[in-house]
Amino acid sequence: GMDDRHDWPVLTRSQGLTWIDPRDPRLFPDGMLKLDGPR
């Protein structure tokens, strides 16, 4: 029943699909796209 609130799906240029805390942009200086709903 717990949420993994610090692991969100994101797309990055260097790793593709990964699960990270997107609040810290230093993790991927080349940019990332948070997958936060249908587009």
Full PDB file with SEQRES, HELIX, SHEET, SSBOND, CRYST1, ORIGX, SCALE, CONECT and MASTER records, all heavy atoms in Angstrom:
SEQRES   1 A   39  GLY MET ASP ASP ARG HIS ASP TRP PRO VAL LEU THR ARG          
SEQRES   2 A   39  SER GLN GLY LEU THR TRP ILE ASP PRO ARG ASP PRO ARG          
SEQRES   3 A   39  LEU PHE PRO ASP GLY MET LEU LYS LEU ASP GLY PRO ARG          
HELIX    1 AA1 PRO A   25  LEU A   27  5                                   3    
SHEET    1 AA1 3 GLY A  16  ILE A  20  0                                        
SHEET    2 AA1 3 TRP A   8  THR A  12 -1                                        
SHEET    3 AA1 3 MET A  32  LYS A  34 -1                                        
CRYST1    1.000    1.000    1.000  90.00  90.00  90.00 P 1           1          
ORIGX1      1.000000  0.000000  0.000000        0.00000                         
ORIGX2      0.000000  1.000000  0.000000        0.00000                         
ORIGX3      0.000000  0.000000  1.000000        0.00000                         
SCALE1      1.000000  0.000000  0.000000        0.00000                         
SCALE2      0.000000  1.000000  0.000000        0.00000                         
SCALE3      0.000000  0.000000  1.000000        0.00000                         
ATOM      1  N   GLY A   1       0.788  -1.224   0.000  1.00  0.00           N  
ATOM      2  CA  GLY A   1       0.000   0.000   0.000  1.00  0.00           C  
ATOM      3  C   GLY A   1       0.822   1.277   0.000  1.00  0.00           C  
ATOM      4  O   GLY A   1       0.266   2.353  -0.162  1.00  0.00           O  
ATOM      5  N   MET A   2       2.123   1.173   0.180  1.00  0.00           N  
ATOM      6  CA  MET A   2       2.978   2.358   0.181  1.00  0.00           C  
ATOM      7  C   MET A   2       3.283   2.781  -1.256  1.00  0.00           C  
ATOM      8  O   MET A   2       3.321   1.946  -2.154  1.00  0.00           O  
ATOM      9  CB  MET A   2       4.299   2.068   0.899  1.00  0.00           C  
ATOM     10  CG  MET A   2       4.150   1.697   2.361  1.00  0.00           C  
ATOM     11  SD  MET A   2       3.539   3.045   3.378  1.00  0.00           S  
ATOM     12  CE  MET A   2       4.902   4.164   3.313  1.00  0.00           C  
ATOM     13  N   ASP A   3       3.476   4.071  -1.446  1.00  0.00           N  
ATOM     14  CA  ASP A   3       3.881   4.605  -2.744  1.00  0.00           C  
ATOM     15  C   ASP A   3       5.384   4.820  -2.753  1.00  0.00           C  
ATOM     16  O   ASP A   3       5.957   5.271  -1.765  1.00  0.00           O  
ATOM     17  CB  ASP A   3       3.198   5.937  -3.030  1.00  0.00           C  
ATOM     18  CG  ASP A   3       1.726   5.788  -3.317  1.00  0.00           C  
ATOM     19  OD1 ASP A   3       1.279   4.659  -3.559  1.00  0.00           O  
ATOM     20  OD2 ASP A   3       1.018   6.806  -3.293  1.00  0.00           O  
ATOM     21  N   ASP A   4       5.994   4.522  -3.869  1.00  0.00           N  
ATOM     22  CA  ASP A   4       7.418   4.783  -4.072  1.00  0.00           C  
ATOM     23  C   ASP A   4       7.543   6.202  -4.616  1.00  0.00           C  
ATOM     24  O   ASP A   4       7.913   6.419  -5.768  1.00  0.00           O  
ATOM     25  CB  ASP A   4       7.995   3.766  -5.058  1.00  0.00           C  
ATOM     26  CG  ASP A   4       9.223   3.094  -4.540  1.00  0.00           C  
ATOM     27  OD1 ASP A   4       9.830   3.623  -3.596  1.00  0.00           O  
ATOM     28  OD2 ASP A   4       9.568   2.039  -5.087  1.00  0.00           O  
ATOM     29  N   ARG A   5       7.211   7.197  -3.802  1.00  0.00           N  
ATOM     30  CA  ARG A   5       7.069   8.583  -4.243  1.00  0.00           C  
ATOM     31  C   ARG A   5       8.342   9.213  -4.802  1.00  0.00           C  
ATOM     32  O   ARG A   5       8.281  10.210  -5.498  1.00  0.00           O  
ATOM     33  CB  ARG A   5       6.553   9.451  -3.106  1.00  0.00           C  
ATOM     34  CG  ARG A   5       5.159   9.067  -2.689  1.00  0.00           C  
ATOM     35  CD  ARG A   5       4.598  10.073  -1.701  1.00  0.00           C  
ATOM     36  NE  ARG A   5       3.301   9.658  -1.231  1.00  0.00           N  
ATOM     37  CZ  ARG A   5       2.176   9.966  -1.839  1.00  0.00           C  
ATOM     38  NH1 ARG A   5       2.192  10.681  -2.936  1.00  0.00           N  
ATOM     39  NH2 ARG A   5       1.024   9.564  -1.354  1.00  0.00           N  
ATOM     40  N   HIS A   6       9.491   8.632  -4.497  1.00  0.00           N  
ATOM     41  CA  HIS A   6      10.744   9.211  -4.981  1.00  0.00           C  
ATOM     42  C   HIS A   6      11.247   8.525  -6.243  1.00  0.00           C  
ATOM     43  O   HIS A   6      12.328   8.849  -6.722  1.00  0.00           O  
ATOM     44  CB  HIS A   6      11.808   9.161  -3.892  1.00  0.00           C  
ATOM     45  CG  HIS A   6      11.416   9.940  -2.671  1.00  0.00           C  
ATOM     46  ND1 HIS A   6      11.213  11.301  -2.681  1.00  0.00           N  
ATOM     47  CD2 HIS A   6      11.140   9.538  -1.415  1.00  0.00           C  
ATOM     48  CE1 HIS A   6      10.850  11.706  -1.486  1.00  0.00           C  
ATOM     49  NE2 HIS A   6      10.799  10.653  -0.693  1.00  0.00           N  
ATOM     50  N   ASP A   7      10.484   7.592  -6.772  1.00  0.00           N  
ATOM     51  CA  ASP A   7      10.867   6.908  -8.008  1.00  0.00           C  
ATOM     52  C   ASP A   7       9.762   7.077  -9.048  1.00  0.00           C  
ATOM     53  O   ASP A   7       8.722   6.431  -8.957  1.00  0.00           O  
ATOM     54  CB  ASP A   7      11.116   5.414  -7.763  1.00  0.00           C  
ATOM     55  CG  ASP A   7      12.426   5.163  -7.048  1.00  0.00           C  
ATOM     56  OD1 ASP A   7      13.380   5.918  -7.293  1.00  0.00           O  
ATOM     57  OD2 ASP A   7      12.489   4.217  -6.258  1.00  0.00           O  
ATOM     58  N   TRP A   8      10.019   7.951  -9.996  1.00  0.00           N  
ATOM     59  CA  TRP A   8       9.079   8.222 -11.081  1.00  0.00           C  
ATOM     60  C   TRP A   8       9.703   7.798 -12.401  1.00  0.00           C  
ATOM     61  O   TRP A   8      10.915   7.877 -12.570  1.00  0.00           O  
ATOM     62  CB  TRP A   8       8.762   9.714 -11.142  1.00  0.00           C  
ATOM     63  CG  TRP A   8       7.854  10.141 -10.049  1.00  0.00           C  
ATOM     64  CD1 TRP A   8       8.201  10.402  -8.757  1.00  0.00           C  
ATOM     65  CD2 TRP A   8       6.448  10.338 -10.140  1.00  0.00           C  
ATOM     66  NE1 TRP A   8       7.100  10.755  -8.047  1.00  0.00           N  
ATOM     67  CE2 TRP A   8       6.004  10.733  -8.865  1.00  0.00           C  
ATOM     68  CE3 TRP A   8       5.527  10.222 -11.179  1.00  0.00           C  
ATOM     69  CZ2 TRP A   8       4.678  11.000  -8.597  1.00  0.00           C  
ATOM     70  CZ3 TRP A   8       4.199  10.505 -10.905  1.00  0.00           C  
ATOM     71  CH2 TRP A   8       3.781  10.885  -9.636  1.00  0.00           C  
ATOM     72  N   PRO A   9       8.880   7.378 -13.339  1.00  0.00           N  
ATOM     73  CA  PRO A   9       9.432   7.034 -14.653  1.00  0.00           C  
ATOM     74  C   PRO A   9       9.825   8.302 -15.402  1.00  0.00           C  
ATOM     75  O   PRO A   9       9.058   9.258 -15.470  1.00  0.00           O  
ATOM     76  CB  PRO A   9       8.282   6.308 -15.348  1.00  0.00           C  
ATOM     77  CG  PRO A   9       7.040   6.816 -14.692  1.00  0.00           C  
ATOM     78  CD  PRO A   9       7.429   7.160 -13.286  1.00  0.00           C  
ATOM     79  N   VAL A  10      11.037   8.298 -15.927  1.00  0.00           N  
ATOM     80  CA  VAL A  10      11.519   9.411 -16.738  1.00  0.00           C  
ATOM     81  C   VAL A  10      12.269   8.854 -17.941  1.00  0.00           C  
ATOM     82  O   VAL A  10      12.772   7.735 -17.916  1.00  0.00           O  
ATOM     83  CB  VAL A  10      12.454  10.365 -15.944  1.00  0.00           C  
ATOM     84  CG1 VAL A  10      11.736  11.017 -14.783  1.00  0.00           C  
ATOM     85  CG2 VAL A  10      13.697   9.659 -15.483  1.00  0.00           C  
ATOM     86  N   LEU A  11      12.313   9.649 -18.985  1.00  0.00           N  
ATOM     87  CA  LEU A  11      13.137   9.343 -20.153  1.00  0.00           C  
ATOM     88  C   LEU A  11      14.342  10.263 -20.112  1.00  0.00           C  
ATOM     89  O   LEU A  11      14.203  11.456 -19.877  1.00  0.00           O  
ATOM     90  CB  LEU A  11      12.364   9.564 -21.448  1.00  0.00           C  
ATOM     91  CG  LEU A  11      11.209   8.601 -21.718  1.00  0.00           C  
ATOM     92  CD1 LEU A  11      10.478   9.020 -22.997  1.00  0.00           C  
ATOM     93  CD2 LEU A  11      11.718   7.178 -21.843  1.00  0.00           C  
ATOM     94  N   THR A  12      15.517   9.693 -20.346  1.00  0.00           N  
ATOM     95  CA  THR A  12      16.736  10.490 -20.386  1.00  0.00           C  
ATOM     96  C   THR A  12      17.465  10.189 -21.689  1.00  0.00           C  
ATOM     97  O   THR A  12      17.229   9.158 -22.315  1.00  0.00           O  
ATOM     98  CB  THR A  12      17.672  10.159 -19.203  1.00  0.00           C  
ATOM     99  OG1 THR A  12      18.229   8.872 -19.407  1.00  0.00           O  
ATOM    100  CG2 THR A  12      16.948  10.214 -17.879  1.00  0.00           C  
ATOM    101  N   ARG A  13      18.344  11.090 -22.052  1.00  0.00           N  
ATOM    102  CA  ARG A  13      19.124  10.875 -23.273  1.00  0.00           C  
ATOM    103  C   ARG A  13      20.165   9.781 -23.081  1.00  0.00           C  
ATOM    104  O   ARG A  13      20.485   9.052 -24.004  1.00  0.00           O  
ATOM    105  CB  ARG A  13      19.824  12.163 -23.679  1.00  0.00           C  
ATOM    106  CG  ARG A  13      18.869  13.197 -24.154  1.00  0.00           C  
ATOM    107  CD  ARG A  13      19.602  14.416 -24.589  1.00  0.00           C  
ATOM    108  NE  ARG A  13      18.651  15.503 -24.751  1.00  0.00           N  
ATOM    109  CZ  ARG A  13      18.971  16.684 -25.194  1.00  0.00           C  
ATOM    110  NH1 ARG A  13      20.214  16.955 -25.522  1.00  0.00           N  
ATOM    111  NH2 ARG A  13      18.052  17.608 -25.316  1.00  0.00           N  
ATOM    112  N   SER A  14      20.701   9.664 -21.881  1.00  0.00           N  
ATOM    113  CA  SER A  14      21.807   8.730 -21.669  1.00  0.00           C  
ATOM    114  C   SER A  14      21.353   7.327 -21.253  1.00  0.00           C  
ATOM    115  O   SER A  14      22.035   6.358 -21.547  1.00  0.00           O  
ATOM    116  CB  SER A  14      22.767   9.282 -20.617  1.00  0.00           C  
ATOM    117  OG  SER A  14      22.090   9.483 -19.391  1.00  0.00           O  
ATOM    118  N   GLN A  15      20.205   7.210 -20.558  1.00  0.00           N  
ATOM    119  CA  GLN A  15      19.803   5.907 -20.052  1.00  0.00           C  
ATOM    120  C   GLN A  15      18.452   5.425 -20.586  1.00  0.00           C  
ATOM    121  O   GLN A  15      18.040   4.324 -20.265  1.00  0.00           O  
ATOM    122  CB  GLN A  15      19.741   5.928 -18.528  1.00  0.00           C  
ATOM    123  CG  GLN A  15      21.086   6.072 -17.890  1.00  0.00           C  
ATOM    124  CD  GLN A  15      21.010   5.910 -16.384  1.00  0.00           C  
ATOM    125  OE1 GLN A  15      19.967   5.645 -15.811  1.00  0.00           O  
ATOM    126  NE2 GLN A  15      22.136   6.059 -15.740  1.00  0.00           N  
ATOM    127  N   GLY A  16      17.763   6.224 -21.352  1.00  0.00           N  
ATOM    128  CA  GLY A  16      16.434   5.824 -21.814  1.00  0.00           C  
ATOM    129  C   GLY A  16      15.445   5.866 -20.669  1.00  0.00           C  
ATOM    130  O   GLY A  16      15.450   6.786 -19.874  1.00  0.00           O  
ATOM    131  N   LEU A  17      14.627   4.846 -20.545  1.00  0.00           N  
ATOM    132  CA  LEU A  17      13.647   4.778 -19.477  1.00  0.00           C  
ATOM    133  C   LEU A  17      14.326   4.369 -18.174  1.00  0.00           C  
ATOM    134  O   LEU A  17      15.050   3.378 -18.120  1.00  0.00           O  
ATOM    135  CB  LEU A  17      12.549   3.758 -19.812  1.00  0.00           C  
ATOM    136  CG  LEU A  17      11.514   3.516 -18.715  1.00  0.00           C  
ATOM    137  CD1 LEU A  17      10.693   4.775 -18.448  1.00  0.00           C  
ATOM    138  CD2 LEU A  17      10.609   2.355 -19.086  1.00  0.00           C  
ATOM    139  N   THR A  18      14.108   5.163 -17.136  1.00  0.00           N  
ATOM    140  CA  THR A  18      14.647   4.839 -15.808  1.00  0.00           C  
ATOM    141  C   THR A  18      13.680   5.369 -14.763  1.00  0.00           C  
ATOM    142  O   THR A  18      12.746   6.109 -15.077  1.00  0.00           O  
ATOM    143  CB  THR A  18      16.066   5.424 -15.635  1.00  0.00           C  
ATOM    144  OG1 THR A  18      16.644   4.902 -14.448  1.00  0.00           O  
ATOM    145  CG2 THR A  18      16.057   6.934 -15.606  1.00  0.00           C  
ATOM    146  N   TRP A  19      13.878   4.981 -13.537  1.00  0.00           N  
ATOM    147  CA  TRP A  19      13.028   5.406 -12.419  1.00  0.00           C  
ATOM    148  C   TRP A  19      13.907   6.173 -11.444  1.00  0.00           C  
ATOM    149  O   TRP A  19      14.834   5.623 -10.875  1.00  0.00           O  
ATOM    150  CB  TRP A  19      12.408   4.198 -11.733  1.00  0.00           C  
ATOM    151  CG  TRP A  19      11.520   3.420 -12.636  1.00  0.00           C  
ATOM    152  CD1 TRP A  19      11.916   2.575 -13.623  1.00  0.00           C  
ATOM    153  CD2 TRP A  19      10.105   3.447 -12.676  1.00  0.00           C  
ATOM    154  NE1 TRP A  19      10.823   2.056 -14.268  1.00  0.00           N  
ATOM    155  CE2 TRP A  19       9.682   2.573 -13.702  1.00  0.00           C  
ATOM    156  CE3 TRP A  19       9.128   4.100 -11.936  1.00  0.00           C  
ATOM    157  CZ2 TRP A  19       8.355   2.357 -14.005  1.00  0.00           C  
ATOM    158  CZ3 TRP A  19       7.799   3.872 -12.243  1.00  0.00           C  
ATOM    159  CH2 TRP A  19       7.416   3.017 -13.264  1.00  0.00           C  
ATOM    160  N   ILE A  20      13.641   7.462 -11.272  1.00  0.00           N  
ATOM    161  CA  ILE A  20      14.459   8.303 -10.396  1.00  0.00           C  
ATOM    162  C   ILE A  20      13.580   9.307  -9.672  1.00  0.00           C  
ATOM    163  O   ILE A  20      12.393   9.427  -9.938  1.00  0.00           O  
ATOM    164  CB  ILE A  20      15.544   9.062 -11.184  1.00  0.00           C  
ATOM    165  CG1 ILE A  20      14.889  10.036 -12.166  1.00  0.00           C  
ATOM    166  CG2 ILE A  20      16.484   8.123 -11.893  1.00  0.00           C  
ATOM    167  CD1 ILE A  20      15.846  11.076 -12.704  1.00  0.00           C  
ATOM    168  N   ASP A  21      14.212  10.058  -8.786  1.00  0.00           N  
ATOM    169  CA  ASP A  21      13.559  11.183  -8.133  1.00  0.00           C  
ATOM    170  C   ASP A  21      13.766  12.395  -9.041  1.00  0.00           C  
ATOM    171  O   ASP A  21      14.858  12.958  -9.080  1.00  0.00           O  
ATOM    172  CB  ASP A  21      14.173  11.416  -6.761  1.00  0.00           C  
ATOM    173  CG  ASP A  21      13.431  12.473  -5.959  1.00  0.00           C  
ATOM    174  OD1 ASP A  21      12.637  13.232  -6.559  1.00  0.00           O  
ATOM    175  OD2 ASP A  21      13.649  12.544  -4.743  1.00  0.00           O  
ATOM    176  N   PRO A  22      12.746  12.793  -9.801  1.00  0.00           N  
ATOM    177  CA  PRO A  22      12.934  13.881 -10.772  1.00  0.00           C  
ATOM    178  C   PRO A  22      13.076  15.257 -10.133  1.00  0.00           C  
ATOM    179  O   PRO A  22      13.307  16.232 -10.831  1.00  0.00           O  
ATOM    180  CB  PRO A  22      11.673  13.799 -11.629  1.00  0.00           C  
ATOM    181  CG  PRO A  22      10.654  13.197 -10.735  1.00  0.00           C  
ATOM    182  CD  PRO A  22      11.398  12.254  -9.835  1.00  0.00           C  
ATOM    183  N   ARG A  23      12.975  15.352  -8.817  1.00  0.00           N  
ATOM    184  CA  ARG A  23      13.148  16.648  -8.157  1.00  0.00           C  
ATOM    185  C   ARG A  23      14.604  17.081  -8.156  1.00  0.00           C  
ATOM    186  O   ARG A  23      14.905  18.228  -7.854  1.00  0.00           O  
ATOM    187  CB  ARG A  23      12.632  16.584  -6.720  1.00  0.00           C  
ATOM    188  CG  ARG A  23      11.125  16.310  -6.645  1.00  0.00           C  
ATOM    189  CD  ARG A  23      10.684  16.104  -5.233  1.00  0.00           C  
ATOM    190  NE  ARG A  23      11.415  14.955  -4.680  1.00  0.00           N  
ATOM    191  CZ  ARG A  23      11.394  14.628  -3.390  1.00  0.00           C  
ATOM    192  NH1 ARG A  23      10.723  15.339  -2.532  1.00  0.00           N  
ATOM    193  NH2 ARG A  23      12.057  13.564  -2.969  1.00  0.00           N  
ATOM    194  N   ASP A  24      15.520  16.163  -8.486  1.00  0.00           N  
ATOM    195  CA  ASP A  24      16.939  16.488  -8.483  1.00  0.00           C  
ATOM    196  C   ASP A  24      17.478  16.488  -9.918  1.00  0.00           C  
ATOM    197  O   ASP A  24      17.918  15.464 -10.422  1.00  0.00           O  
ATOM    198  CB  ASP A  24      17.721  15.486  -7.637  1.00  0.00           C  
ATOM    199  CG  ASP A  24      19.166  15.898  -7.439  1.00  0.00           C  
ATOM    200  OD1 ASP A  24      19.615  16.883  -8.071  1.00  0.00           O  
ATOM    201  OD2 ASP A  24      19.857  15.227  -6.656  1.00  0.00           O  
ATOM    202  N   PRO A  25      17.430  17.632 -10.602  1.00  0.00           N  
ATOM    203  CA  PRO A  25      17.869  17.689 -12.001  1.00  0.00           C  
ATOM    204  C   PRO A  25      19.360  17.430 -12.172  1.00  0.00           C  
ATOM    205  O   PRO A  25      19.816  17.178 -13.279  1.00  0.00           O  
ATOM    206  CB  PRO A  25      17.503  19.110 -12.433  1.00  0.00           C  
ATOM    207  CG  PRO A  25      17.415  19.889 -11.169  1.00  0.00           C  
ATOM    208  CD  PRO A  25      16.992  18.916 -10.099  1.00  0.00           C  
ATOM    209  N   ARG A  26      20.147  17.461 -11.091  1.00  0.00           N  
ATOM    210  CA  ARG A  26      21.578  17.187 -11.197  1.00  0.00           C  
ATOM    211  C   ARG A  26      21.846  15.739 -11.584  1.00  0.00           C  
ATOM    212  O   ARG A  26      22.918  15.402 -12.067  1.00  0.00           O  
ATOM    213  CB  ARG A  26      22.279  17.495  -9.879  1.00  0.00           C  
ATOM    214  CG  ARG A  26      22.218  18.968  -9.510  1.00  0.00           C  
ATOM    215  CD  ARG A  26      22.754  19.204  -8.131  1.00  0.00           C  
ATOM    216  NE  ARG A  26      21.916  18.445  -7.193  1.00  0.00           N  
ATOM    217  CZ  ARG A  26      22.253  18.174  -5.933  1.00  0.00           C  
ATOM    218  NH1 ARG A  26      23.407  18.574  -5.474  1.00  0.00           N  
ATOM    219  NH2 ARG A  26      21.445  17.506  -5.141  1.00  0.00           N  
ATOM    220  N   LEU A  27      20.848  14.853 -11.384  1.00  0.00           N  
ATOM    221  CA  LEU A  27      21.036  13.449 -11.715  1.00  0.00           C  
ATOM    222  C   LEU A  27      21.264  13.256 -13.211  1.00  0.00           C  
ATOM    223  O   LEU A  27      21.983  12.363 -13.621  1.00  0.00           O  
ATOM    224  CB  LEU A  27      19.825  12.627 -11.272  1.00  0.00           C  
ATOM    225  CG  LEU A  27      19.600  12.526  -9.757  1.00  0.00           C  
ATOM    226  CD1 LEU A  27      18.274  11.854  -9.463  1.00  0.00           C  
ATOM    227  CD2 LEU A  27      20.744  11.765  -9.110  1.00  0.00           C  
ATOM    228  N   PHE A  28      20.624  14.104 -14.013  1.00  0.00           N  
ATOM    229  CA  PHE A  28      20.744  13.998 -15.468  1.00  0.00           C  
ATOM    230  C   PHE A  28      20.908  15.386 -16.070  1.00  0.00           C  
ATOM    231  O   PHE A  28      19.947  16.008 -16.492  1.00  0.00           O  
ATOM    232  CB  PHE A  28      19.524  13.285 -16.065  1.00  0.00           C  
ATOM    233  CG  PHE A  28      19.467  11.850 -15.662  1.00  0.00           C  
ATOM    234  CD1 PHE A  28      18.697  11.444 -14.589  1.00  0.00           C  
ATOM    235  CD2 PHE A  28      20.227  10.902 -16.319  1.00  0.00           C  
ATOM    236  CE1 PHE A  28      18.673  10.121 -14.197  1.00  0.00           C  
ATOM    237  CE2 PHE A  28      20.212   9.579 -15.932  1.00  0.00           C  
ATOM    238  CZ  PHE A  28      19.430   9.183 -14.868  1.00  0.00           C  
ATOM    239  N   PRO A  29      22.149  15.865 -16.113  1.00  0.00           N  
ATOM    240  CA  PRO A  29      22.375  17.212 -16.629  1.00  0.00           C  
ATOM    241  C   PRO A  29      22.029  17.367 -18.103  1.00  0.00           C  
ATOM    242  O   PRO A  29      21.805  18.477 -18.563  1.00  0.00           O  
ATOM    243  CB  PRO A  29      23.869  17.447 -16.383  1.00  0.00           C  
ATOM    244  CG  PRO A  29      24.459  16.091 -16.241  1.00  0.00           C  
ATOM    245  CD  PRO A  29      23.376  15.199 -15.701  1.00  0.00           C  
ATOM    246  N   ASP A  30      21.963  16.240 -18.833  1.00  0.00           N  
ATOM    247  CA  ASP A  30      21.627  16.351 -20.254  1.00  0.00           C  
ATOM    248  C   ASP A  30      20.116  16.393 -20.474  1.00  0.00           C  
ATOM    249  O   ASP A  30      19.654  16.425 -21.601  1.00  0.00           O  
ATOM    250  CB  ASP A  30      22.258  15.215 -21.058  1.00  0.00           C  
ATOM    251  CG  ASP A  30      21.725  13.842 -20.663  1.00  0.00           C  
ATOM    252  OD1 ASP A  30      21.137  13.716 -19.573  1.00  0.00           O  
ATOM    253  OD2 ASP A  30      21.903  12.896 -21.443  1.00  0.00           O  
ATOM    254  N   GLY A  31      19.355  16.403 -19.397  1.00  0.00           N  
ATOM    255  CA  GLY A  31      17.916  16.544 -19.501  1.00  0.00           C  
ATOM    256  C   GLY A  31      17.162  15.245 -19.297  1.00  0.00           C  
ATOM    257  O   GLY A  31      17.702  14.159 -19.446  1.00  0.00           O  
ATOM    258  N   MET A  32      15.901  15.407 -18.900  1.00  0.00           N  
ATOM    259  CA  MET A  32      15.027  14.265 -18.713  1.00  0.00           C  
ATOM    260  C   MET A  32      13.596  14.722 -18.920  1.00  0.00           C  
ATOM    261  O   MET A  32      13.271  15.897 -18.830  1.00  0.00           O  
ATOM    262  CB  MET A  32      15.204  13.674 -17.318  1.00  0.00           C  
ATOM    263  CG  MET A  32      14.766  14.592 -16.203  1.00  0.00           C  
ATOM    264  SD  MET A  32      15.019  13.802 -14.607  1.00  0.00           S  
ATOM    265  CE  MET A  32      15.051  15.242 -13.560  1.00  0.00           C  
ATOM    266  N   LEU A  33      12.747  13.784 -19.249  1.00  0.00           N  
ATOM    267  CA  LEU A  33      11.330  14.042 -19.438  1.00  0.00           C  
ATOM    268  C   LEU A  33      10.572  13.160 -18.463  1.00  0.00           C  
ATOM    269  O   LEU A  33      10.617  11.928 -18.560  1.00  0.00           O  
ATOM    270  CB  LEU A  33      10.911  13.719 -20.874  1.00  0.00           C  
ATOM    271  CG  LEU A  33       9.425  13.788 -21.178  1.00  0.00           C  
ATOM    272  CD1 LEU A  33       8.907  15.219 -21.016  1.00  0.00           C  
ATOM    273  CD2 LEU A  33       9.157  13.278 -22.581  1.00  0.00           C  
ATOM    274  N   LYS A  34       9.920  13.777 -17.474  1.00  0.00           N  
ATOM    275  CA  LYS A  34       9.146  13.023 -16.502  1.00  0.00           C  
ATOM    276  C   LYS A  34       7.879  12.521 -17.170  1.00  0.00           C  
ATOM    277  O   LYS A  34       7.159  13.273 -17.817  1.00  0.00           O  
ATOM    278  CB  LYS A  34       8.786  13.915 -15.307  1.00  0.00           C  
ATOM    279  CG  LYS A  34       8.009  13.201 -14.230  1.00  0.00           C  
ATOM    280  CD  LYS A  34       7.723  14.138 -13.067  1.00  0.00           C  
ATOM    281  CE  LYS A  34       6.841  13.491 -12.040  1.00  0.00           C  
ATOM    282  NZ  LYS A  34       6.477  14.432 -10.973  1.00  0.00           N  
ATOM    283  N   LEU A  35       7.630  11.233 -17.050  1.00  0.00           N  
ATOM    284  CA  LEU A  35       6.432  10.618 -17.637  1.00  0.00           C  
ATOM    285  C   LEU A  35       5.319  10.716 -16.607  1.00  0.00           C  
ATOM    286  O   LEU A  35       5.126   9.849 -15.781  1.00  0.00           O  
ATOM    287  CB  LEU A  35       6.708   9.163 -18.025  1.00  0.00           C  
ATOM    288  CG  LEU A  35       7.868   8.971 -19.000  1.00  0.00           C  
ATOM    289  CD1 LEU A  35       8.084   7.486 -19.271  1.00  0.00           C  
ATOM    290  CD2 LEU A  35       7.614   9.716 -20.289  1.00  0.00           C  
ATOM    291  N   ASP A  36       4.567  11.807 -16.664  1.00  0.00           N  
ATOM    292  CA  ASP A  36       3.580  12.079 -15.634  1.00  0.00           C  
ATOM    293  C   ASP A  36       2.153  12.086 -16.159  1.00  0.00           C  
ATOM    294  O   ASP A  36       1.314  12.835 -15.693  1.00  0.00           O  
ATOM    295  CB  ASP A  36       3.903  13.389 -14.932  1.00  0.00           C  
ATOM    296  CG  ASP A  36       4.006  14.566 -15.883  1.00  0.00           C  
ATOM    297  OD1 ASP A  36       3.809  14.374 -17.100  1.00  0.00           O  
ATOM    298  OD2 ASP A  36       4.289  15.673 -15.422  1.00  0.00           O  
ATOM    299  N   GLY A  37       1.874  11.264 -17.141  1.00  0.00           N  
ATOM    300  CA  GLY A  37       0.519  11.133 -17.634  1.00  0.00           C  
ATOM    301  C   GLY A  37       0.467  11.013 -19.142  1.00  0.00           C  
ATOM    302  O   GLY A  37       1.472  11.226 -19.821  1.00  0.00           O  
ATOM    303  N   PRO A  38      -0.691  10.621 -19.634  1.00  0.00           N  
ATOM    304  CA  PRO A  38      -0.843  10.469 -21.090  1.00  0.00           C  
ATOM    305  C   PRO A  38      -0.548  11.779 -21.806  1.00  0.00           C  
ATOM    306  O   PRO A  38      -0.832  12.857 -21.314  1.00  0.00           O  
ATOM    307  CB  PRO A  38      -2.304  10.060 -21.266  1.00  0.00           C  
ATOM    308  CG  PRO A  38      -2.718   9.549 -19.938  1.00  0.00           C  
ATOM    309  CD  PRO A  38      -1.899  10.284 -18.917  1.00  0.00           C  
ATOM    310  N   ARG A  39       0.038  11.665 -22.991  1.00  0.00           N  
ATOM    311  CA  ARG A  39       0.359  12.850 -23.780  1.00  0.00           C  
ATOM    312  C   ARG A  39      -0.476  12.866 -25.037  1.00  0.00           C  
ATOM    313  O   ARG A  39      -0.836  11.929 -25.592  1.00  0.00           O  
ATOM    314  CB  ARG A  39       1.831  12.833 -24.150  1.00  0.00           C  
ATOM    315  CG  ARG A  39       2.697  12.805 -22.908  1.00  0.00           C  
ATOM    316  CD  ARG A  39       3.951  13.625 -23.085  1.00  0.00           C  
ATOM    317  NE  ARG A  39       4.830  13.526 -21.955  1.00  0.00           N  
ATOM    318  CZ  ARG A  39       4.706  14.267 -20.849  1.00  0.00           C  
ATOM    319  NH1 ARG A  39       3.739  15.118 -20.734  1.00  0.00           N  
ATOM    320  NH2 ARG A  39       5.562  14.135 -19.863  1.00  0.00           N  
TER     321      ARG A  39                                                      
MASTER        0    0    0    1    3    0    0    6  320    1    0    3          
END                                                                             
